[in-house]
Amino acid sequence: MNHRFFEERLFVDEPLPEEEAVLLEEHLQTCERCRALRAAWQETELELKLTQWVSPLEGFSQRWRERYAHQVKVAQQRRAFAVFLLTSAAAAFFAFPFFALLAAPSQPLWLKIVIALYNFSALLPLIDGISTFLFTVFRVVVQVLPPSLELAFGVAFLGLILIWLRMLRKFSFGRFRQP
């Protein structure tokens, strides 16, 4: 027996079509479960009609909007400050060797600049080694995986990049909306 059809008809506020109303009444005469459900629903409707509703205090929605706007603003400020701290820390990490060289008083400025450029050029073989390693891994993966799986991984990776960019925009550069 399909109780779902009849249960859905019990909760309808509008009058049912004639044949559905007849089917429902016939079913209610034979089904104890649906009769109990109808009685419980009628009792609940009666309680809802007899209950006195309390309205919120004057200005509640305005106070709620203001508090919410303040919370959103504080959250955006915290995110912006976190991004600022992270980028500042990264910049300080990479700039520290150059500032340390410039701060040494015993060497002339042109020598400090040459040493800083030399130190920067020492990073180039490391970058070259990392790129060679990644290119080798890419070539091996291309030879091992079938093209359909490569395409699936590429689409998944692109999707992750798009999600990351969306979250970065939302959490770092989100706009404050007035309700």
C-alpha atoms as a PDB file:
ATOM      1  CA  MET A   1       0.000   0.000   0.000  1.00  0.00           C
ATOM      2  CA  ASN A   2       1.311   3.439  -0.936  1.00  0.00           C
ATOM      3  CA  HIS A   3       1.024   5.475   2.254  1.00  0.00           C
ATOM      4  CA  ARG A   4       3.079   8.345   0.920  1.00  0.00           C
ATOM      5  CA  PHE A   5       0.374   9.384  -1.538  1.00  0.00           C
ATOM      6  CA  PHE A   6      -2.204   9.569   1.253  1.00  0.00           C
ATOM      7  CA  GLU A   7       0.156  11.129   3.794  1.00  0.00           C
ATOM      8  CA  GLU A   8       0.898  13.962   1.372  1.00  0.00           C
ATOM      9  CA  ARG A   9      -2.843  14.559   0.889  1.00  0.00           C
ATOM     10  CA  LEU A  10      -3.362  14.836   4.670  1.00  0.00           C
ATOM     11  CA  PHE A  11      -1.135  17.911   4.898  1.00  0.00           C
ATOM     12  CA  VAL A  12      -2.604  19.844   1.951  1.00  0.00           C
ATOM     13  CA  ASP A  13      -4.309  23.098   2.974  1.00  0.00           C
ATOM     14  CA  GLU A  14      -6.389  23.494  -0.202  1.00  0.00           C
ATOM     15  CA  PRO A  15      -9.429  21.286  -0.839  1.00  0.00           C
ATOM     16  CA  LEU A  16      -8.602  18.086  -2.682  1.00  0.00           C
ATOM     17  CA  PRO A  17     -10.143  17.172  -6.027  1.00  0.00           C
ATOM     18  CA  GLU A  18     -13.281  15.018  -5.670  1.00  0.00           C
ATOM     19  CA  GLU A  19     -11.754  11.658  -6.595  1.00  0.00           C
ATOM     20  CA  GLU A  20      -8.662  12.194  -4.401  1.00  0.00           C
ATOM     21  CA  ALA A  21     -10.866  13.135  -1.438  1.00  0.00           C
ATOM     22  CA  VAL A  22     -12.904   9.926  -1.918  1.00  0.00           C
ATOM     23  CA  LEU A  23      -9.727   7.822  -2.176  1.00  0.00           C
ATOM     24  CA  LEU A  24      -8.342   9.435   0.967  1.00  0.00           C
ATOM     25  CA  GLU A  25     -11.519   8.811   2.985  1.00  0.00           C
ATOM     26  CA  GLU A  26     -11.648   5.163   1.868  1.00  0.00           C
ATOM     27  CA  HIS A  27      -8.013   4.727   2.837  1.00  0.00           C
ATOM     28  CA  LEU A  28      -8.539   6.363   6.236  1.00  0.00           C
ATOM     29  CA  GLN A  29     -11.306   3.862   7.024  1.00  0.00           C
ATOM     30  CA  THR A  30      -8.910   0.951   6.547  1.00  0.00           C
ATOM     31  CA  CYS A  31      -5.566   2.373   7.726  1.00  0.00           C
ATOM     32  CA  GLU A  32      -5.009   2.980  11.442  1.00  0.00           C
ATOM     33  CA  ARG A  33      -1.616   4.618  10.862  1.00  0.00           C
ATOM     34  CA  CYS A  34      -2.991   7.308   8.542  1.00  0.00           C
ATOM     35  CA  ARG A  35      -5.986   7.939  10.854  1.00  0.00           C
ATOM     36  CA  ALA A  36      -3.579   8.525  13.757  1.00  0.00           C
ATOM     37  CA  LEU A  37      -1.495  10.817  11.573  1.00  0.00           C
ATOM     38  CA  ARG A  38      -4.566  12.858  10.568  1.00  0.00           C
ATOM     39  CA  ALA A  39      -5.714  13.140  14.186  1.00  0.00           C
ATOM     40  CA  ALA A  40      -2.247  14.286  15.278  1.00  0.00           C
ATOM     41  CA  TRP A  41      -2.120  16.843  12.451  1.00  0.00           C
ATOM     42  CA  GLN A  42      -5.565  18.215  13.287  1.00  0.00           C
ATOM     43  CA  GLU A  43      -4.538  18.525  16.932  1.00  0.00           C
ATOM     44  CA  THR A  44      -1.337  20.330  15.933  1.00  0.00           C
ATOM     45  CA  GLU A  45      -3.253  22.739  13.675  1.00  0.00           C
ATOM     46  CA  LEU A  46      -5.655  23.487  16.517  1.00  0.00           C
ATOM     47  CA  GLU A  47      -2.746  24.183  18.902  1.00  0.00           C
ATOM     48  CA  LEU A  48      -1.151  26.491  16.363  1.00  0.00           C
ATOM     49  CA  LYS A  49      -4.387  28.413  15.897  1.00  0.00           C
ATOM     50  CA  LEU A  50      -4.962  28.782  19.657  1.00  0.00           C
ATOM     51  CA  THR A  51      -1.396  29.801  20.485  1.00  0.00           C
ATOM     52  CA  GLN A  52      -0.858  33.480  21.135  1.00  0.00           C
ATOM     53  CA  TRP A  53       2.057  34.721  19.082  1.00  0.00           C
ATOM     54  CA  VAL A  54       4.544  37.115  20.644  1.00  0.00           C
ATOM     55  CA  SER A  55       5.985  39.793  18.416  1.00  0.00           C
ATOM     56  CA  PRO A  56       9.604  40.907  18.830  1.00  0.00           C
ATOM     57  CA  LEU A  57      10.477  44.101  20.640  1.00  0.00           C
ATOM     58  CA  GLU A  58      10.465  47.354  18.724  1.00  0.00           C
ATOM     59  CA  GLY A  59      13.611  47.796  16.615  1.00  0.00           C
ATOM     60  CA  PHE A  60      14.680  44.134  16.891  1.00  0.00           C
ATOM     61  CA  SER A  61      15.292  43.635  13.185  1.00  0.00           C
ATOM     62  CA  GLN A  62      17.249  46.897  12.909  1.00  0.00           C
ATOM     63  CA  ARG A  63      19.452  45.947  15.880  1.00  0.00           C
ATOM     64  CA  TRP A  64      19.984  42.495  14.416  1.00  0.00           C
ATOM     65  CA  ARG A  65      20.986  43.951  11.006  1.00  0.00           C
ATOM     66  CA  GLU A  66      23.409  46.376  12.644  1.00  0.00           C
ATOM     67  CA  ARG A  67      25.006  43.648  14.752  1.00  0.00           C
ATOM     68  CA  TYR A  68      25.280  41.356  11.729  1.00  0.00           C
ATOM     69  CA  ALA A  69      26.815  44.143   9.627  1.00  0.00           C
ATOM     70  CA  HIS A  70      29.335  44.806  12.388  1.00  0.00           C
ATOM     71  CA  GLN A  71      30.240  41.097  12.614  1.00  0.00           C
ATOM     72  CA  VAL A  72      30.709  40.890   8.836  1.00  0.00           C
ATOM     73  CA  LYS A  73      32.902  43.992   8.863  1.00  0.00           C
ATOM     74  CA  VAL A  74      35.064  42.638  11.711  1.00  0.00           C
ATOM     75  CA  ALA A  75      35.427  39.278   9.942  1.00  0.00           C
ATOM     76  CA  GLN A  76      36.508  41.007   6.722  1.00  0.00           C
ATOM     77  CA  GLN A  77      39.030  43.113   8.623  1.00  0.00           C
ATOM     78  CA  ARG A  78      40.459  39.993  10.284  1.00  0.00           C
ATOM     79  CA  ARG A  79      40.784  38.205   6.956  1.00  0.00           C
ATOM     80  CA  ALA A  80      42.456  41.222   5.368  1.00  0.00           C
ATOM     81  CA  PHE A  81      44.852  41.492   8.321  1.00  0.00           C
ATOM     82  CA  ALA A  82      45.683  37.771   8.078  1.00  0.00           C
ATOM     83  CA  VAL A  83      46.436  38.108   4.346  1.00  0.00           C
ATOM     84  CA  PHE A  84      48.567  41.174   5.081  1.00  0.00           C
ATOM     85  CA  LEU A  85      50.523  39.327   7.806  1.00  0.00           C
ATOM     86  CA  LEU A  86      51.056  36.291   5.602  1.00  0.00           C
ATOM     87  CA  THR A  87      52.302  38.295   2.633  1.00  0.00           C
ATOM     88  CA  SER A  88      54.456  40.479   4.892  1.00  0.00           C
ATOM     89  CA  ALA A  89      56.032  37.424   6.491  1.00  0.00           C
ATOM     90  CA  ALA A  90      56.736  35.908   3.067  1.00  0.00           C
ATOM     91  CA  ALA A  91      58.243  39.161   1.802  1.00  0.00           C
ATOM     92  CA  ALA A  92      60.403  39.488   4.931  1.00  0.00           C
ATOM     93  CA  PHE A  93      61.575  35.895   4.568  1.00  0.00           C
ATOM     94  CA  PHE A  94      62.761  36.470   1.013  1.00  0.00           C
ATOM     95  CA  ALA A  95      64.070  40.003   1.573  1.00  0.00           C
ATOM     96  CA  PHE A  96      65.998  39.329   4.788  1.00  0.00           C
ATOM     97  CA  PRO A  97      69.270  38.205   3.122  1.00  0.00           C
ATOM     98  CA  PHE A  98      69.350  41.334   0.966  1.00  0.00           C
ATOM     99  CA  PHE A  99      68.702  43.660   3.908  1.00  0.00           C
ATOM    100  CA  ALA A 100      71.353  41.868   5.937  1.00  0.00           C
ATOM    101  CA  LEU A 101      73.899  42.524   3.195  1.00  0.00           C
ATOM    102  CA  LEU A 102      72.920  46.169   2.898  1.00  0.00           C
ATOM    103  CA  ALA A 103      73.217  46.634   6.649  1.00  0.00           C
ATOM    104  CA  ALA A 104      76.869  45.520   6.779  1.00  0.00           C
ATOM    105  CA  PRO A 105      78.804  48.825   7.134  1.00  0.00           C
ATOM    106  CA  SER A 106      82.242  47.446   6.224  1.00  0.00           C
ATOM    107  CA  GLN A 107      81.511  46.975   2.513  1.00  0.00           C
ATOM    108  CA  PRO A 108      80.790  49.588  -0.143  1.00  0.00           C
ATOM    109  CA  LEU A 109      77.271  49.760  -1.553  1.00  0.00           C
ATOM    110  CA  TRP A 110      78.212  48.493  -5.035  1.00  0.00           C
ATOM    111  CA  LEU A 111      79.782  45.382  -3.473  1.00  0.00           C
ATOM    112  CA  LYS A 112      76.699  44.764  -1.375  1.00  0.00           C
ATOM    113  CA  ILE A 113      74.533  44.952  -4.515  1.00  0.00           C
ATOM    114  CA  VAL A 114      76.831  42.541  -6.381  1.00  0.00           C
ATOM    115  CA  ILE A 115      76.736  40.091  -3.453  1.00  0.00           C
ATOM    116  CA  ALA A 116      72.933  40.354  -3.267  1.00  0.00           C
ATOM    117  CA  LEU A 117      72.662  39.661  -7.007  1.00  0.00           C
ATOM    118  CA  TYR A 118      75.052  36.727  -6.638  1.00  0.00           C
ATOM    119  CA  ASN A 119      72.936  35.313  -3.807  1.00  0.00           C
ATOM    120  CA  PHE A 120      69.840  35.739  -5.940  1.00  0.00           C
ATOM    121  CA  SER A 121      71.542  34.011  -8.861  1.00  0.00           C
ATOM    122  CA  ALA A 122      72.388  31.109  -6.527  1.00  0.00           C
ATOM    123  CA  LEU A 123      68.640  30.436  -6.334  1.00  0.00           C
ATOM    124  CA  LEU A 124      68.411  29.975 -10.101  1.00  0.00           C
ATOM    125  CA  PRO A 125      69.984  26.462 -10.158  1.00  0.00           C
ATOM    126  CA  LEU A 126      67.583  25.423  -7.400  1.00  0.00           C
ATOM    127  CA  ILE A 127      64.633  26.721  -9.416  1.00  0.00           C
ATOM    128  CA  ASP A 128      66.024  24.989 -12.518  1.00  0.00           C
ATOM    129  CA  GLY A 129      66.392  21.709 -10.624  1.00  0.00           C
ATOM    130  CA  ILE A 130      62.832  21.876  -9.307  1.00  0.00           C
ATOM    131  CA  SER A 131      61.446  22.655 -12.762  1.00  0.00           C
ATOM    132  CA  THR A 132      63.468  19.771 -14.301  1.00  0.00           C
ATOM    133  CA  PHE A 133      62.133  17.386 -11.651  1.00  0.00           C
ATOM    134  CA  LEU A 134      58.540  18.480 -12.197  1.00  0.00           C
ATOM    135  CA  PHE A 135      58.912  18.235 -15.980  1.00  0.00           C
ATOM    136  CA  THR A 136      60.324  14.696 -15.640  1.00  0.00           C
ATOM    137  CA  VAL A 137      57.443  13.656 -13.379  1.00  0.00           C
ATOM    138  CA  PHE A 138      54.997  15.168 -15.873  1.00  0.00           C
ATOM    139  CA  ARG A 139      56.554  13.204 -18.772  1.00  0.00           C
ATOM    140  CA  VAL A 140      56.388   9.940 -16.814  1.00  0.00           C
ATOM    141  CA  VAL A 141      52.778  10.549 -15.830  1.00  0.00           C
ATOM    142  CA  VAL A 142      51.845  11.337 -19.441  1.00  0.00           C
ATOM    143  CA  GLN A 143      53.410   8.076 -20.627  1.00  0.00           C
ATOM    144  CA  VAL A 144      51.775   5.947 -17.918  1.00  0.00           C
ATOM    145  CA  LEU A 145      48.229   7.326 -17.700  1.00  0.00           C
ATOM    146  CA  PRO A 146      45.616   6.908 -20.432  1.00  0.00           C
ATOM    147  CA  PRO A 147      44.479  10.159 -22.079  1.00  0.00           C
ATOM    148  CA  SER A 148      40.993  10.036 -20.552  1.00  0.00           C
ATOM    149  CA  LEU A 149      42.468   9.853 -17.038  1.00  0.00           C
ATOM    150  CA  GLU A 150      44.875  12.679 -17.851  1.00  0.00           C
ATOM    151  CA  LEU A 151      41.937  14.778 -18.986  1.00  0.00           C
ATOM    152  CA  ALA A 152      40.004  13.922 -15.820  1.00  0.00           C
ATOM    153  CA  PHE A 153      42.965  14.918 -13.632  1.00  0.00           C
ATOM    154  CA  GLY A 154      43.406  18.126 -15.620  1.00  0.00           C
ATOM    155  CA  VAL A 155      39.753  19.074 -15.238  1.00  0.00           C
ATOM    156  CA  ALA A 156      39.824  18.213 -11.531  1.00  0.00           C
ATOM    157  CA  PHE A 157      42.971  20.294 -11.041  1.00  0.00           C
ATOM    158  CA  LEU A 158      41.437  23.189 -12.949  1.00  0.00           C
ATOM    159  CA  GLY A 159      38.324  22.902 -10.791  1.00  0.00           C
ATOM    160  CA  LEU A 160      40.430  23.014  -7.629  1.00  0.00           C
ATOM    161  CA  ILE A 161      42.240  26.098  -8.925  1.00  0.00           C
ATOM    162  CA  LEU A 162      38.916  27.794  -9.670  1.00  0.00           C
ATOM    163  CA  ILE A 163      37.581  26.904  -6.211  1.00  0.00           C
ATOM    164  CA  TRP A 164      40.766  28.230  -4.620  1.00  0.00           C
ATOM    165  CA  LEU A 165      40.513  31.497  -6.563  1.00  0.00           C
ATOM    166  CA  ARG A 166      36.828  31.855  -5.652  1.00  0.00           C
ATOM    167  CA  MET A 167      37.552  31.279  -1.956  1.00  0.00           C
ATOM    168  CA  LEU A 168      40.507  33.661  -2.077  1.00  0.00           C
ATOM    169  CA  ARG A 169      38.293  36.344  -3.593  1.00  0.00           C
ATOM    170  CA  LYS A 170      35.441  35.658  -1.195  1.00  0.00           C
ATOM    171  CA  PHE A 171      37.477  35.595   1.997  1.00  0.00           C
ATOM    172  CA  SER A 172      40.130  38.168   1.145  1.00  0.00           C
ATOM    173  CA  PHE A 173      38.415  40.656  -1.094  1.00  0.00           C
ATOM    174  CA  GLY A 174      34.720  40.143  -0.269  1.00  0.00           C
ATOM    175  CA  ARG A 175      32.332  43.011  -0.599  1.00  0.00           C
ATOM    176  CA  PHE A 176      30.283  44.247   2.324  1.00  0.00           C
ATOM    177  CA  ARG A 177      26.604  44.038   1.468  1.00  0.00           C
ATOM    178  CA  GLN A 178      23.920  46.162   3.084  1.00  0.00           C
ATOM    179  CA  PRO A 179      20.749  44.188   3.951  1.00  0.00           C
END
